[in-house]
PDB file of N, CA and C in Angstrom:
ATOM      1  N   MET A   1     -47.177   6.480 109.232  1.00  0.00           N
ATOM      2  CA  MET A   1     -45.492   6.766 108.283  1.00  0.00           C
ATOM      3  C   MET A   1     -44.447   6.256 108.917  1.00  0.00           C
ATOM      4  N   GLY A   2     -44.694   7.127 109.994  1.00  0.00           N
ATOM      5  CA  GLY A   2     -43.337   6.606 111.337  1.00  0.00           C
ATOM      6  C   GLY A   2     -43.573   5.130 111.721  1.00  0.00           C
ATOM      7  N   MET A   3     -44.828   4.949 112.229  1.00  0.00           N
ATOM      8  CA  MET A   3     -44.252   3.596 113.311  1.00  0.00           C
ATOM      9  C   MET A   3     -44.345   2.384 111.655  1.00  0.00           C
ATOM     10  N   ILE A   4     -44.675   1.814 110.572  1.00  0.00           N
ATOM     11  CA  ILE A   4     -44.372   1.298 109.190  1.00  0.00           C
ATOM     12  C   ILE A   4     -42.744   1.493 109.590  1.00  0.00           C
ATOM     13  N   ALA A   5     -41.823   2.341 109.089  1.00  0.00           N
ATOM     14  CA  ALA A   5     -40.517   2.682 109.096  1.00  0.00           C
ATOM     15  C   ALA A   5     -39.911   2.058 109.824  1.00  0.00           C
ATOM     16  N   PHE A   6     -40.572   2.100 111.258  1.00  0.00           N
ATOM     17  CA  PHE A   6     -39.678   1.572 112.613  1.00  0.00           C
ATOM     18  C   PHE A   6     -39.711   0.247 112.717  1.00  0.00           C
ATOM     19  N   TYR A   7     -41.474  -0.596 111.998  1.00  0.00           N
ATOM     20  CA  TYR A   7     -40.572  -1.755 112.384  1.00  0.00           C
ATOM     21  C   TYR A   7     -41.025  -2.805 111.474  1.00  0.00           C
ATOM     22  N   GLY A   8     -41.283  -2.111 110.583  1.00  0.00           N
ATOM     23  CA  GLY A   8     -40.264  -2.655 109.190  1.00  0.00           C
ATOM     24  C   GLY A   8     -38.770  -2.256 109.427  1.00  0.00           C
ATOM     25  N   GLY A   9     -38.116  -1.709 109.760  1.00  0.00           N
ATOM     26  CA  GLY A   9     -36.511  -1.804 110.064  1.00  0.00           C
ATOM     27  C   GLY A   9     -36.696  -3.238 111.186  1.00  0.00           C
ATOM     28  N   LEU A  10     -37.373  -2.620 112.267  1.00  0.00           N
ATOM     29  CA  LEU A  10     -36.770  -4.196 113.429  1.00  0.00           C
ATOM     30  C   LEU A  10     -36.991  -5.678 113.053  1.00  0.00           C
ATOM     31  N   PHE A  11     -38.603  -5.567 111.814  1.00  0.00           N
ATOM     32  CA  PHE A  11     -38.320  -6.650 111.326  1.00  0.00           C
ATOM     33  C   PHE A  11     -37.193  -7.117 110.899  1.00  0.00           C
ATOM     34  N   ILE A  12     -36.856  -6.096 109.531  1.00  0.00           N
ATOM     35  CA  ILE A  12     -35.886  -6.169 108.985  1.00  0.00           C
ATOM     36  C   ILE A  12     -34.374  -6.132 109.012  1.00  0.00           C
ATOM     37  N   GLY A  13     -34.298  -6.099 110.714  1.00  0.00           N
ATOM     38  CA  GLY A  13     -32.850  -6.645 111.701  1.00  0.00           C
ATOM     39  C   GLY A  13     -32.770  -7.671 112.441  1.00  0.00           C
ATOM     40  N   VAL A  14     -34.431  -8.095 112.363  1.00  0.00           N
ATOM     41  CA  VAL A  14     -33.881  -8.886 113.653  1.00  0.00           C
ATOM     42  C   VAL A  14     -34.336 -10.208 111.693  1.00  0.00           C
ATOM     43  N   LEU A  15     -34.731 -10.162 111.494  1.00  0.00           N
ATOM     44  CA  LEU A  15     -33.991 -10.462 110.221  1.00  0.00           C
ATOM     45  C   LEU A  15     -32.517 -11.177 110.204  1.00  0.00           C
ATOM     46  N   VAL A  16     -31.412 -10.609 109.624  1.00  0.00           N
ATOM     47  CA  VAL A  16     -30.152  -9.373 109.357  1.00  0.00           C
ATOM     48  C   VAL A  16     -29.650 -10.122 110.781  1.00  0.00           C
ATOM     49  N   GLY A  17     -29.774 -10.193 111.855  1.00  0.00           N
ATOM     50  CA  GLY A  17     -29.099 -10.652 112.775  1.00  0.00           C
ATOM     51  C   GLY A  17     -29.439 -12.639 113.088  1.00  0.00           C
ATOM     52  N   PHE A  18     -30.252 -12.403 112.256  1.00  0.00           N
ATOM     53  CA  PHE A  18     -30.618 -14.200 112.692  1.00  0.00           C
ATOM     54  C   PHE A  18     -29.630 -14.379 111.540  1.00  0.00           C
ATOM     55  N   VAL A  19     -29.347 -14.179 110.347  1.00  0.00           N
ATOM     56  CA  VAL A  19     -28.765 -15.123 109.012  1.00  0.00           C
ATOM     57  C   VAL A  19     -27.203 -14.452 109.923  1.00  0.00           C
ATOM     58  N   LEU A  20     -27.327 -13.893 110.554  1.00  0.00           N
ATOM     59  CA  LEU A  20     -25.334 -13.259 110.752  1.00  0.00           C
ATOM     60  C   LEU A  20     -25.428 -13.968 111.432  1.00  0.00           C
ATOM     61  N   SER A  21     -26.536 -14.111 112.736  1.00  0.00           N
ATOM     62  CA  SER A  21     -26.405 -15.138 113.950  1.00  0.00           C
ATOM     63  C   SER A  21     -25.395 -16.718 112.984  1.00  0.00           C
ATOM     64  N   SER A  22     -26.560 -17.314 112.018  1.00  0.00           N
ATOM     65  CA  SER A  22     -26.149 -18.560 112.183  1.00  0.00           C
ATOM     66  C   SER A  22     -24.754 -18.366 110.874  1.00  0.00           C
ATOM     67  N   LEU A  23     -24.489 -17.781 109.996  1.00  0.00           N
ATOM     68  CA  LEU A  23     -23.752 -18.054 109.643  1.00  0.00           C
ATOM     69  C   LEU A  23     -22.612 -17.681 110.437  1.00  0.00           C
ATOM     70  N   LEU A  24     -22.833 -17.212 111.319  1.00  0.00           N
ATOM     71  CA  LEU A  24     -20.894 -16.782 112.617  1.00  0.00           C
ATOM     72  C   LEU A  24     -21.444 -18.413 113.298  1.00  0.00           C
ATOM     73  N   ALA A  25     -21.773 -18.956 113.801  1.00  0.00           N
ATOM     74  CA  ALA A  25     -22.518 -20.340 114.034  1.00  0.00           C
ATOM     75  C   ALA A  25     -21.715 -21.367 114.005  1.00  0.00           C
ATOM     76  N   PHE A  26     -22.449 -21.496 112.319  1.00  0.00           N
ATOM     77  CA  PHE A  26     -21.666 -22.475 111.427  1.00  0.00           C
ATOM     78  C   PHE A  26     -20.471 -22.494 110.838  1.00  0.00           C
ATOM     79  N   SER A  27     -19.975 -21.076 110.760  1.00  0.00           N
ATOM     80  CA  SER A  27     -18.273 -21.263 110.473  1.00  0.00           C
ATOM     81  C   SER A  27     -17.624 -21.543 112.036  1.00  0.00           C
ATOM     82  N   LEU A  28     -17.816 -21.619 112.805  1.00  0.00           N
ATOM     83  CA  LEU A  28     -17.599 -22.273 113.938  1.00  0.00           C
ATOM     84  C   LEU A  28     -17.762 -23.021 114.267  1.00  0.00           C
ATOM     85  N   THR A  29     -18.435 -23.882 113.873  1.00  0.00           N
ATOM     86  CA  THR A  29     -18.647 -25.557 114.460  1.00  0.00           C
ATOM     87  C   THR A  29     -18.093 -25.796 112.745  1.00  0.00           C
ATOM     88  N   LYS A  30     -17.235 -25.539 112.054  1.00  0.00           N
ATOM     89  CA  LYS A  30     -16.810 -25.258 110.903  1.00  0.00           C
ATOM     90  C   LYS A  30     -15.700 -25.573 111.160  1.00  0.00           C
ATOM     91  N   SER A  31     -14.961 -24.514 111.604  1.00  0.00           N
ATOM     92  CA  SER A  31     -13.303 -24.980 112.104  1.00  0.00           C
ATOM     93  C   SER A  31     -12.958 -25.260 113.128  1.00  0.00           C
ATOM     94  N   LYS A  32     -13.987 -26.194 114.456  1.00  0.00           N
ATOM     95  CA  LYS A  32     -14.063 -26.864 115.364  1.00  0.00           C
ATOM     96  C   LYS A  32     -13.285 -28.086 114.496  1.00  0.00           C
ATOM     97  N   ARG A  33     -13.828 -28.107 113.920  1.00  0.00           N
ATOM     98  CA  ARG A  33     -14.798 -29.814 113.463  1.00  0.00           C
ATOM     99  C   ARG A  33     -12.925 -30.376 112.722  1.00  0.00           C
ATOM    100  N   GLY A  34     -12.239 -29.425 112.646  1.00  0.00           N
ATOM    101  CA  GLY A  34     -10.921 -30.502 111.923  1.00  0.00           C
ATOM    102  C   GLY A  34      -9.978 -30.827 112.630  1.00  0.00           C
ATOM    103  N   SER A  35     -10.232 -30.210 114.339  1.00  0.00           N
ATOM    104  CA  SER A  35      -9.673 -30.956 115.536  1.00  0.00           C
ATOM    105  C   SER A  35     -10.118 -31.839 115.529  1.00  0.00           C
ATOM    106  N   GLN A  36     -11.597 -32.304 115.649  1.00  0.00           N
ATOM    107  CA  GLN A  36     -11.970 -33.537 116.008  1.00  0.00           C
ATOM    108  C   GLN A  36     -11.113 -34.974 115.613  1.00  0.00           C
ATOM    109  N   PRO A  37     -11.110 -35.575 116.201  1.00  0.00           N
ATOM    110  CA  PRO A  37     -10.171 -37.451 115.525  1.00  0.00           C
ATOM    111  C   PRO A  37     -11.816 -37.674 114.758  1.00  0.00           C
ATOM    112  N   ASN A  38     -11.472 -38.381 114.022  1.00  0.00           N
ATOM    113  CA  ASN A  38     -12.758 -39.408 113.435  1.00  0.00           C
ATOM    114  C   ASN A  38     -13.490 -39.990 114.301  1.00  0.00           C
ATOM    115  N   GLN A  39     -14.589 -40.530 114.900  1.00  0.00           N
ATOM    116  CA  GLN A  39     -15.043 -41.667 115.816  1.00  0.00           C
ATOM    117  C   GLN A  39     -14.779 -42.867 115.588  1.00  0.00           C
ATOM    118  N   ALA A  40     -15.057 -42.753 113.547  1.00  0.00           N
ATOM    119  CA  ALA A  40     -15.305 -44.197 113.003  1.00  0.00           C
ATOM    120  C   ALA A  40     -14.258 -44.974 112.883  1.00  0.00           C
ATOM    121  N   GLU A  41     -13.209 -43.828 113.267  1.00  0.00           N
ATOM    122  CA  GLU A  41     -11.660 -44.006 112.610  1.00  0.00           C
ATOM    123  C   GLU A  41     -10.965 -45.131 113.689  1.00  0.00           C
ATOM    124  N   GLY A  42     -10.185 -46.205 112.467  1.00  0.00           N
ATOM    125  CA  GLY A  42      -9.824 -47.289 113.039  1.00  0.00           C
ATOM    126  C   GLY A  42     -10.502 -48.553 113.359  1.00  0.00           C
ATOM    127  N   TYR A  43     -12.361 -48.638 112.957  1.00  0.00           N
ATOM    128  CA  TYR A  43     -12.971 -49.694 112.970  1.00  0.00           C
ATOM    129  C   TYR A  43     -13.393 -50.175 111.548  1.00  0.00           C
ATOM    130  N   SER A  44     -12.799 -51.529 111.617  1.00  0.00           N
ATOM    131  CA  SER A  44     -13.721 -52.224 110.122  1.00  0.00           C
ATOM    132  C   SER A  44     -14.794 -52.924 110.454  1.00  0.00           C
ATOM    133  N   GLN A  45     -15.140 -54.069 109.376  1.00  0.00           N
ATOM    134  CA  GLN A  45     -16.391 -55.083 108.982  1.00  0.00           C
ATOM    135  C   GLN A  45     -14.928 -56.252 110.005  1.00  0.00           C
ATOM    136  N   VAL A  46     -14.185 -56.191 110.015  1.00  0.00           N
ATOM    137  CA  VAL A  46     -13.345 -57.288 110.804  1.00  0.00           C
ATOM    138  C   VAL A  46     -13.884 -57.101 112.340  1.00  0.00           C
ATOM    139  N   ASP A  47     -13.624 -56.134 112.731  1.00  0.00           N
ATOM    140  CA  ASP A  47     -13.472 -55.725 113.683  1.00  0.00           C
ATOM    141  C   ASP A  47     -14.364 -55.953 114.081  1.00  0.00           C
ATOM    142  N   LEU A  48     -16.008 -56.132 113.644  1.00  0.00           N
ATOM    143  CA  LEU A  48     -17.381 -55.746 114.476  1.00  0.00           C
ATOM    144  C   LEU A  48     -17.950 -57.334 114.543  1.00  0.00           C
ATOM    145  N   GLN A  49     -16.558 -58.453 114.255  1.00  0.00           N
ATOM    146  CA  GLN A  49     -17.166 -59.396 114.008  1.00  0.00           C
ATOM    147  C   GLN A  49     -16.633 -60.918 115.069  1.00  0.00           C
TER     148      GLN A  49
END
């Protein structure tokens, strides 16, 4: 019974850690995205011809 609890807690801990790290990574990229200029800015269909 102790091994089941240990491995169950380990599995849940890994899943929660993965979810939290994913949320942290997405929030960091979202905050950095606002400071970068749009790469397509200043171009139009007329400029490409």
